[in-house]
């Protein structure tokens, strides 16, 4: 399992790195990615579940869906999805990283 806080979009550079700031005030959710999702794999495998709101994130295109209705809500900015991708690639969860690497052709933000 991977869990991270998505910082305010203004704190993320275009290449998906977080700027070093003295203090972070805003955030855009706490997201969790499981090696083996306990729920269905909608909208992608792997996907991220938001812990502080009923949302799911497609890790291939950055689209966010309502967790209960599965309706599209919004798309994260490209730099925010790159930040998430960089967080995943810097972790030790090889199963999740390998799923993204194997499906690289479907990733729209790289």
Protein backbone atom coordinates (compact mmCIF):
# COMPACT_ATOMS: atom_id res chain seq x y z
CA UNK A 1 0.00 0.00 0.00
CA UNK A 2 1.17 3.54 -0.77
CA UNK A 3 -0.33 6.60 0.89
CA UNK A 4 0.57 10.21 0.24
CA UNK A 5 -0.83 13.70 0.52
CA UNK A 6 -1.26 15.51 -2.77
CA UNK A 7 -0.01 19.05 -2.13
CA UNK A 8 -1.52 22.24 -3.45
CA UNK A 9 -1.10 22.26 -7.22
CA UNK A 10 0.89 25.52 -7.04
CA UNK A 11 3.59 23.65 -5.07
CA UNK A 12 4.22 21.15 -7.87
CA UNK A 13 6.60 21.93 -10.73
CA UNK A 14 5.75 21.03 -14.34
CA UNK A 15 7.92 17.90 -14.16
CA UNK A 16 5.94 16.60 -11.17
CA UNK A 17 8.39 17.47 -8.38
CA UNK A 18 7.34 19.25 -5.21
CA UNK A 19 8.88 22.63 -4.52
CA UNK A 20 10.55 22.91 -1.13
CA UNK A 21 8.47 25.24 1.00
CA UNK A 22 8.74 26.13 4.65
CA UNK A 23 5.13 25.27 5.34
CA UNK A 24 2.35 23.53 3.48
CA UNK A 25 -1.10 24.87 4.27
CA UNK A 26 -3.33 23.55 1.49
CA UNK A 27 -3.64 20.05 0.13
CA UNK A 28 -5.70 18.23 -2.44
CA UNK A 29 -6.40 15.01 -0.67
CA UNK A 30 -4.86 12.01 0.96
CA UNK A 31 -4.72 9.22 -1.59
CA UNK A 32 -4.07 5.50 -1.01
CA UNK A 33 -3.02 2.92 -3.57
CA UNK A 34 -3.24 -0.75 -2.60
CA UNK A 35 -1.15 -3.58 -4.07
CA UNK A 36 -4.31 -5.64 -4.25
CA UNK A 37 -7.34 -3.38 -4.13
CA UNK A 38 -9.98 -4.60 -1.66
CA UNK A 39 -12.72 -3.05 -3.81
CA UNK A 40 -13.39 -3.40 -7.52
CA UNK A 41 -10.66 -2.15 -9.84
CA UNK A 42 -12.68 0.69 -11.35
CA UNK A 43 -11.43 3.03 -12.79
CA UNK A 44 -8.01 1.42 -13.41
CA UNK A 45 -5.67 -1.20 -12.04
CA UNK A 46 -3.98 0.16 -10.04
CA UNK A 47 -6.07 3.13 -8.94
CA UNK A 48 -6.01 5.47 -5.94
CA UNK A 49 -8.75 5.88 -3.35
CA UNK A 50 -9.06 9.27 -1.70
CA UNK A 51 -9.16 8.92 2.08
CA UNK A 52 -10.68 12.31 2.90
CA UNK A 53 -13.41 12.34 0.22
CA UNK A 54 -15.42 9.70 -1.69
CA UNK A 55 -13.27 9.75 -4.85
CA UNK A 56 -11.25 7.35 -6.98
CA UNK A 57 -8.37 8.28 -9.29
CA UNK A 58 -7.47 6.63 -12.57
CA UNK A 59 -3.67 6.49 -12.42
CA UNK A 60 -3.32 6.30 -16.20
CA UNK A 61 -5.09 9.55 -17.14
CA UNK A 62 -5.70 11.54 -13.93
CA UNK A 63 -9.50 11.36 -14.13
CA UNK A 64 -11.31 11.40 -10.78
CA UNK A 65 -14.63 9.62 -10.25
CA UNK A 66 -17.26 9.60 -7.52
CA UNK A 67 -16.63 6.50 -5.43
CA UNK A 68 -20.26 5.44 -5.13
CA UNK A 69 -21.81 6.48 -8.46
CA UNK A 70 -18.65 5.99 -10.60
CA UNK A 71 -19.51 9.23 -12.39
CA UNK A 72 -16.67 11.39 -13.73
CA UNK A 73 -16.03 14.45 -11.51
CA UNK A 74 -12.86 16.19 -12.75
CA UNK A 75 -9.34 15.65 -14.08
CA UNK A 76 -6.28 16.43 -12.00
CA UNK A 77 -3.76 18.82 -13.57
CA UNK A 78 -1.03 17.08 -15.55
CA UNK A 79 1.66 18.19 -13.09
CA UNK A 80 -0.33 16.75 -10.16
CA UNK A 81 -0.61 13.34 -11.83
CA UNK A 82 3.13 13.46 -12.60
CA UNK A 83 3.71 14.13 -8.90
CA UNK A 84 1.67 11.04 -8.02
CA UNK A 85 3.56 8.99 -10.62
CA UNK A 86 6.90 10.18 -9.19
CA UNK A 87 5.73 9.25 -5.67
CA UNK A 88 4.84 5.76 -6.86
CA UNK A 89 8.10 5.27 -8.77
CA UNK A 90 10.16 6.30 -5.74
CA UNK A 91 8.53 3.78 -3.40
CA UNK A 92 9.40 0.14 -2.76
CA UNK A 93 6.10 -1.31 -3.95
CA UNK A 94 7.33 -3.12 -7.06
CA UNK A 95 3.96 -4.68 -7.87
CA UNK A 96 2.32 -1.27 -8.28
CA UNK A 97 5.30 0.20 -10.16
CA UNK A 98 5.43 -2.79 -12.51
CA UNK A 99 1.72 -2.47 -13.34
CA UNK A 100 2.25 1.16 -14.37
CA UNK A 101 5.42 0.34 -16.32
CA UNK A 102 3.68 -2.50 -18.16
CA UNK A 103 0.82 -0.16 -19.13
CA UNK A 104 2.97 2.84 -20.03
CA UNK A 105 1.23 3.19 -23.41
CA UNK A 106 -2.02 4.07 -21.59
CA UNK A 107 -0.46 6.82 -19.44
CA UNK A 108 -1.48 10.19 -20.88
CA UNK A 109 0.59 12.60 -18.75
CA UNK A 110 4.20 11.48 -19.32
